[in-house]
Amino acid sequence: MADYSIWVCEYSYVPNYHKSGVLYGAHNEGYVKLPYCYVVIKGNGHVAMVDVGYNDKEYGKTLGDRFGVENWRDPKTVLAEIGITPEEVDTVFITHAHFDHFGNVEDFPNARFYIQEREIAKWVWAMSLPDRLRWMMVAVDPGDIVRGVSLARERRLTTINGALTDVLPGIDLHPADDSHTWGSMWVTVRNDGKAQSQDTWVLAGDLVYVFENIRGSGAAVDADEVYTPVGLAVGSQANLVLATEEMMKQVDYDSHRIIPIHEERLRDTFPSRISKEGLRITEICLGDGETSKVSA
């Protein structure tokens, strides 16, 4: 039994991203492709998403151009590849407020959004600081934060203070404060609906970028494998490592079940295909009765 289908949908990419950005300490080790993706979770009468990407206009476009993003496509085009429209999405979990995760809320008019209270509040605080402290805003579009506050005014934003179990049946939210961002979180799908699940998936947001964050080389320490955090932390890499341990506990240390959405090599682990737009659809699992969106 599987309650939900899960797809990772690429909507753009950075063809040459410094490896040190995805793997702490990987200086002068070249570049990697960095897919920009969001996740679709379908089942139990719901269409949910983890993050919504960004909108390629105004300051969002400025940031995309600054980071070297290519081949951007809107959610209508991307989601059509799995037979879904943005209007069908009823729930969105925002792992953190960086522009490439929280910048497209206007394209989902019927969705309720969930974000950690600390995440949105601390970005409001950071926006108020003097310009000499603006490094903290390096990947944030202030307009996204304002739009998030507007969602609250419309009663379409739920702010969470900590963990939340069964926000949808079998789907839980977990905080990772002062890590990649002030109030990052990850999403756990217990796909058999059981409290002690034997079919758990962790959607890691940017707490994990690539496989090596979970099972990297231990060359620098006395261990065969160590957690090596991502390169960008508004909080601390120590908190990223601790969050990784908590995620691993949830899947009984089966790293295959932690999904890093910026990982190009998901294609080598899960069924996938390239769309006519040149973007990858990766199928993590299929719920009961669902048909594959990556095979004929």
Protein backbone atom coordinates (compact mmCIF):
# COMPACT_ATOMS: atom_id res chain seq x y z
CA MET A 1 0.00 0.00 0.00
CA ALA A 2 1.26 3.48 -0.90
CA ASP A 3 -0.88 6.53 -0.18
CA TYR A 4 1.06 9.07 -2.23
CA SER A 5 2.92 9.51 -5.48
CA ILE A 6 6.00 11.76 -5.33
CA TRP A 7 7.69 13.49 -8.27
CA VAL A 8 10.66 15.86 -8.37
CA CYS A 9 10.05 18.39 -11.14
CA GLU A 10 12.93 20.41 -12.56
CA TYR A 11 11.90 23.91 -13.66
CA SER A 12 15.34 25.36 -14.50
CA TYR A 13 19.00 24.76 -13.69
CA VAL A 14 22.41 26.29 -13.17
CA PRO A 15 24.75 24.47 -15.57
CA ASN A 16 27.96 25.40 -13.72
CA TYR A 17 27.61 25.90 -9.97
CA HIS A 18 30.64 25.99 -7.68
CA LYS A 19 30.94 22.62 -5.96
CA SER A 20 31.88 24.41 -2.74
CA GLY A 21 28.33 25.81 -2.70
CA VAL A 22 26.79 22.37 -2.38
CA LEU A 23 29.51 20.70 -0.32
CA TYR A 24 31.21 22.53 2.52
CA GLY A 25 34.97 22.79 2.07
CA ALA A 26 35.04 21.57 -1.56
CA HIS A 27 37.18 24.51 -2.67
CA ASN A 28 38.80 24.47 -6.11
CA GLU A 29 37.03 21.23 -6.99
CA GLY A 30 35.23 22.55 -10.03
CA TYR A 31 31.56 22.84 -10.86
CA VAL A 32 28.39 20.78 -10.84
CA LYS A 33 25.04 21.13 -12.53
CA LEU A 34 22.49 22.39 -10.00
CA PRO A 35 18.88 21.57 -10.96
CA TYR A 36 16.21 23.92 -9.60
CA CYS A 37 13.23 21.76 -8.67
CA TYR A 38 10.09 21.44 -6.60
CA VAL A 39 8.30 18.32 -5.40
CA VAL A 40 4.74 17.22 -6.10
CA ILE A 41 2.95 14.88 -3.66
CA LYS A 42 -0.35 13.47 -4.90
CA GLY A 43 -2.73 11.22 -2.99
CA ASN A 44 -5.36 10.96 -0.26
CA GLY A 45 -7.47 13.45 -2.19
CA HIS A 46 -4.72 16.10 -2.17
CA VAL A 47 -2.21 17.64 -4.52
CA ALA A 48 0.60 19.12 -2.43
CA MET A 49 3.95 20.63 -3.26
CA VAL A 50 7.20 21.12 -1.45
CA ASP A 51 8.31 24.62 -2.51
CA VAL A 52 7.16 26.49 -5.61
CA GLY A 53 10.28 27.76 -7.40
CA TYR A 54 10.61 31.38 -8.46
CA ASN A 55 9.01 33.66 -10.99
CA ASP A 56 11.37 34.83 -13.73
CA LYS A 57 10.51 38.51 -13.51
CA GLU A 58 11.47 41.61 -11.54
CA TYR A 59 13.97 40.90 -8.76
CA GLY A 60 13.41 37.15 -9.04
CA LYS A 61 14.81 37.37 -12.57
CA THR A 62 17.69 39.51 -11.31
CA LEU A 63 18.63 36.81 -8.81
CA GLY A 64 18.19 34.04 -11.37
CA ASP A 65 20.48 35.85 -13.79
CA ARG A 66 23.01 36.51 -11.01
CA PHE A 67 23.17 32.80 -10.17
CA GLY A 68 23.39 31.79 -13.83
CA VAL A 69 20.01 30.05 -14.06
CA GLU A 70 19.00 28.76 -17.49
CA ASN A 71 15.93 27.25 -19.18
CA TRP A 72 13.34 28.56 -16.70
CA ARG A 73 9.79 27.35 -17.23
CA ASP A 74 6.58 28.34 -15.43
CA PRO A 75 4.64 25.90 -13.21
CA LYS A 76 1.84 25.46 -15.75
CA THR A 77 4.34 24.10 -18.28
CA VAL A 78 6.30 21.99 -15.79
CA LEU A 79 3.32 20.45 -13.97
CA ALA A 80 1.58 19.58 -17.25
CA GLU A 81 4.25 16.89 -17.67
CA ILE A 82 2.67 14.97 -14.77
CA GLY A 83 -0.93 15.85 -15.67
CA ILE A 84 -1.47 18.52 -13.00
CA THR A 85 -2.39 22.21 -13.16
CA PRO A 86 -1.28 24.84 -10.62
CA GLU A 87 -4.95 25.41 -9.76
CA GLU A 88 -5.23 21.81 -8.50
CA VAL A 89 -2.53 22.30 -5.87
CA ASP A 90 -4.25 22.67 -2.49
CA THR A 91 -1.26 22.58 -0.10
CA VAL A 92 2.29 23.92 -0.28
CA PHE A 93 5.07 23.31 2.23
CA ILE A 94 7.79 25.97 2.03
CA THR A 95 11.06 24.51 3.30
CA HIS A 96 12.67 27.96 3.43
CA ALA A 97 12.29 31.40 1.88
CA HIS A 98 15.18 31.57 -0.58
CA PHE A 99 13.99 32.96 -3.89
CA ASP A 100 14.12 29.65 -5.78
CA HIS A 101 11.76 28.01 -3.26
CA PHE A 102 9.30 30.74 -2.22
CA GLY A 103 9.17 33.00 -5.27
CA ASN A 104 6.17 31.72 -7.20
CA VAL A 105 3.25 31.76 -4.75
CA GLU A 106 1.02 33.77 -7.06
CA ASP A 107 0.81 30.89 -9.53
CA PHE A 108 -1.02 28.70 -6.98
CA PRO A 109 -4.27 30.54 -6.28
CA ASN A 110 -6.06 27.72 -4.42
CA ALA A 111 -3.23 26.56 -2.15
CA ARG A 112 -2.72 26.94 1.57
CA PHE A 113 0.93 27.57 2.40
CA TYR A 114 2.87 26.31 5.43
CA ILE A 115 6.13 27.85 6.64
CA GLN A 116 8.00 27.96 9.91
CA GLU A 117 7.09 31.08 11.88
CA ARG A 118 10.75 31.68 12.64
CA GLU A 119 11.62 31.58 8.95
CA ILE A 120 9.36 34.37 7.77
CA ALA A 121 9.77 36.49 10.92
CA LYS A 122 13.56 36.44 10.77
CA TRP A 123 13.60 37.43 7.11
CA VAL A 124 11.44 40.43 7.96
CA TRP A 125 14.04 41.26 10.63
CA ALA A 126 16.94 40.77 8.19
CA MET A 127 15.27 43.10 5.69
CA SER A 128 15.34 45.87 8.30
CA LEU A 129 19.11 45.72 8.86
CA PRO A 130 21.66 48.22 7.48
CA ASP A 131 22.99 47.58 4.00
CA ARG A 132 26.40 46.55 5.35
CA LEU A 133 24.70 43.39 6.71
CA ARG A 134 22.95 42.50 3.46
CA TRP A 135 25.01 39.35 2.88
CA MET A 136 22.30 37.51 4.80
CA MET A 137 19.84 38.43 2.04
CA VAL A 138 22.03 37.06 -0.74
CA ALA A 139 19.45 34.53 -2.00
CA VAL A 140 16.24 36.21 -0.82
CA ASP A 141 13.84 38.38 -2.82
CA PRO A 142 12.29 40.85 -0.35
CA GLY A 143 9.21 40.83 -2.55
CA ASP A 144 8.71 37.15 -1.75
CA ILE A 145 8.59 37.93 1.96
CA VAL A 146 6.04 40.68 1.36
CA ARG A 147 3.94 38.30 -0.72
CA GLY A 148 4.16 35.79 2.09
CA VAL A 149 2.77 38.35 4.52
CA SER A 150 -0.01 39.03 2.01
CA LEU A 151 -0.86 35.32 2.07
CA ALA A 152 -1.26 35.63 5.83
CA ARG A 153 -3.60 38.58 5.37
CA GLU A 154 -5.66 36.46 2.98
CA ARG A 155 -5.75 33.62 5.59
CA ARG A 156 -3.83 31.35 3.21
CA LEU A 157 -0.61 31.10 5.22
CA THR A 158 -0.13 28.89 8.27
CA THR A 159 2.98 29.61 10.31
CA ILE A 160 4.32 26.71 12.35
CA ASN A 161 6.33 26.86 15.54
CA GLY A 162 8.23 23.58 15.53
CA ALA A 163 7.14 20.15 14.34
CA LEU A 164 3.68 19.35 13.00
CA THR A 165 2.39 15.79 12.59
CA ASP A 166 -0.26 14.80 10.03
CA VAL A 167 -0.58 18.23 8.44
CA LEU A 168 -2.03 16.01 5.72
CA PRO A 169 -2.59 12.32 6.51
CA GLY A 170 0.83 10.72 6.89
CA ILE A 171 2.76 13.94 6.15
CA ASP A 172 4.81 15.63 8.87
CA LEU A 173 6.87 18.82 9.05
CA HIS A 174 10.13 19.12 11.02
CA PRO A 175 12.13 22.26 11.88
CA ALA A 176 15.85 22.80 11.41
CA ASP A 177 16.36 26.17 13.07
CA ASP A 178 19.47 28.25 12.40
CA SER A 179 20.81 25.88 9.77
CA HIS A 180 20.66 26.62 6.03
CA THR A 181 18.28 29.45 6.97
CA TRP A 182 16.69 30.79 10.15
CA GLY A 183 13.74 28.41 10.11
CA SER A 184 14.33 25.76 7.46
CA MET A 185 12.24 22.60 7.63
CA TRP A 186 11.97 19.23 5.97
CA VAL A 187 8.91 17.18 4.99
CA THR A 188 8.40 13.53 5.91
CA VAL A 189 5.94 11.34 4.00
CA ARG A 190 4.89 8.16 5.84
CA ASN A 191 3.59 6.50 2.73
CA ASP A 192 1.87 3.59 4.43
CA GLY A 193 0.04 5.95 6.79
CA LYS A 194 1.45 4.27 9.89
CA ALA A 195 2.92 6.10 12.86
CA GLN A 196 5.85 3.65 12.80
CA SER A 197 6.17 3.62 9.06
CA GLN A 198 8.10 1.12 6.98
CA ASP A 199 7.72 3.33 3.89
CA THR A 200 9.06 6.76 4.82
CA TRP A 201 10.41 9.40 2.44
CA VAL A 202 12.20 12.56 3.57
CA LEU A 203 12.04 15.60 1.29
CA ALA A 204 15.04 17.54 2.51
CA GLY A 205 14.67 20.97 0.92
CA ASP A 206 18.12 22.60 0.96
CA LEU A 207 19.24 20.89 4.16
CA VAL A 208 20.79 18.38 1.76
CA TYR A 209 21.93 19.39 -1.72
CA VAL A 210 23.73 16.31 -3.00
CA PHE A 211 24.33 12.70 -2.00
CA GLU A 212 27.75 13.53 -0.55
CA ASN A 213 26.11 15.67 2.14
CA ILE A 214 24.75 12.42 3.58
CA ARG A 215 27.44 9.89 2.76
CA GLY A 216 30.54 11.85 1.92
CA SER A 217 34.16 10.81 2.21
CA GLY A 218 35.63 10.80 5.67
CA ALA A 219 39.13 11.67 4.43
CA ALA A 220 39.34 14.73 6.69
CA VAL A 221 38.32 12.85 9.83
CA ASP A 222 38.78 9.42 11.36
CA ALA A 223 35.69 7.82 9.78
CA ASP A 224 34.84 6.05 6.54
CA GLU A 225 31.76 8.19 5.90
CA VAL A 226 30.66 11.46 7.49
CA TYR A 227 27.89 13.98 6.98
CA THR A 228 29.33 16.92 5.07
CA PRO A 229 26.98 19.91 5.18
CA VAL A 230 25.99 22.21 2.35
CA GLY A 231 28.17 25.23 1.71
CA LEU A 232 25.64 27.93 2.60
CA ALA A 233 24.39 28.32 6.16
CA VAL A 234 22.83 31.49 7.54
CA GLY A 235 22.90 29.55 10.81
CA SER A 236 25.62 26.94 11.19
CA GLN A 237 26.99 23.86 9.52
CA ALA A 238 26.83 22.13 12.90
CA ASN A 239 23.05 22.53 12.90
CA LEU A 240 22.93 21.18 9.36
CA VAL A 241 24.80 18.07 10.46
CA LEU A 242 22.45 17.59 13.41
CA ALA A 243 19.42 17.97 11.13
CA THR A 244 20.89 15.37 8.78
CA GLU A 245 21.16 12.93 11.68
CA GLU A 246 17.50 13.48 12.56
CA MET A 247 16.45 12.88 8.96
CA MET A 248 18.53 9.73 8.79
CA LYS A 249 16.92 8.42 11.98
CA GLN A 250 13.50 8.80 10.38
CA VAL A 251 14.44 6.48 7.52
CA ASP A 252 16.37 4.00 9.69
CA TYR A 253 19.63 5.28 8.13
CA ASP A 254 18.61 4.31 4.60
CA SER A 255 20.03 7.32 2.73
CA HIS A 256 18.20 6.25 -0.45
CA ARG A 257 15.02 7.58 1.19
CA ILE A 258 16.31 11.11 1.73
CA ILE A 259 15.59 13.14 -1.41
CA PRO A 260 17.87 16.12 -2.17
CA ILE A 261 16.01 18.05 -4.85
CA HIS A 262 19.12 19.84 -6.17
CA GLU A 263 20.82 16.50 -6.90
CA GLU A 264 21.26 15.88 -10.63
CA ARG A 265 22.07 12.22 -9.98
CA LEU A 266 18.57 11.41 -8.79
CA ARG A 267 18.25 10.23 -12.39
CA ASP A 268 20.65 7.39 -11.61
CA THR A 269 18.61 6.22 -8.62
CA PHE A 270 14.96 6.72 -9.61
CA PRO A 271 13.00 6.44 -12.88
CA SER A 272 13.08 9.69 -14.82
CA ARG A 273 12.78 11.28 -18.22
CA ILE A 274 13.57 14.56 -19.95
CA SER A 275 10.59 16.64 -21.03
CA LYS A 276 10.28 18.38 -24.37
CA GLU A 277 11.44 21.53 -22.56
CA GLY A 278 14.73 19.82 -21.68
CA LEU A 279 13.86 19.45 -17.98
CA ARG A 280 13.86 16.30 -15.89
CA ILE A 281 10.89 14.63 -14.21
CA THR A 282 11.96 12.13 -11.53
CA GLU A 283 9.48 9.64 -10.10
CA ILE A 284 10.30 8.81 -6.49
CA CYS A 285 7.31 6.52 -5.87
CA LEU A 286 3.78 5.84 -7.10
CA GLY A 287 0.68 5.70 -4.98
CA ASP A 288 -1.84 2.93 -5.39
CA GLY A 289 -3.71 3.30 -8.66
CA GLU A 290 -1.40 5.99 -10.08
CA THR A 291 0.21 5.58 -13.49
CA SER A 292 3.83 6.36 -14.20
CA LYS A 293 4.64 9.79 -15.59
CA VAL A 294 8.11 8.86 -16.77
CA SER A 295 7.54 5.61 -18.71
CA ALA A 296 5.40 4.88 -21.74
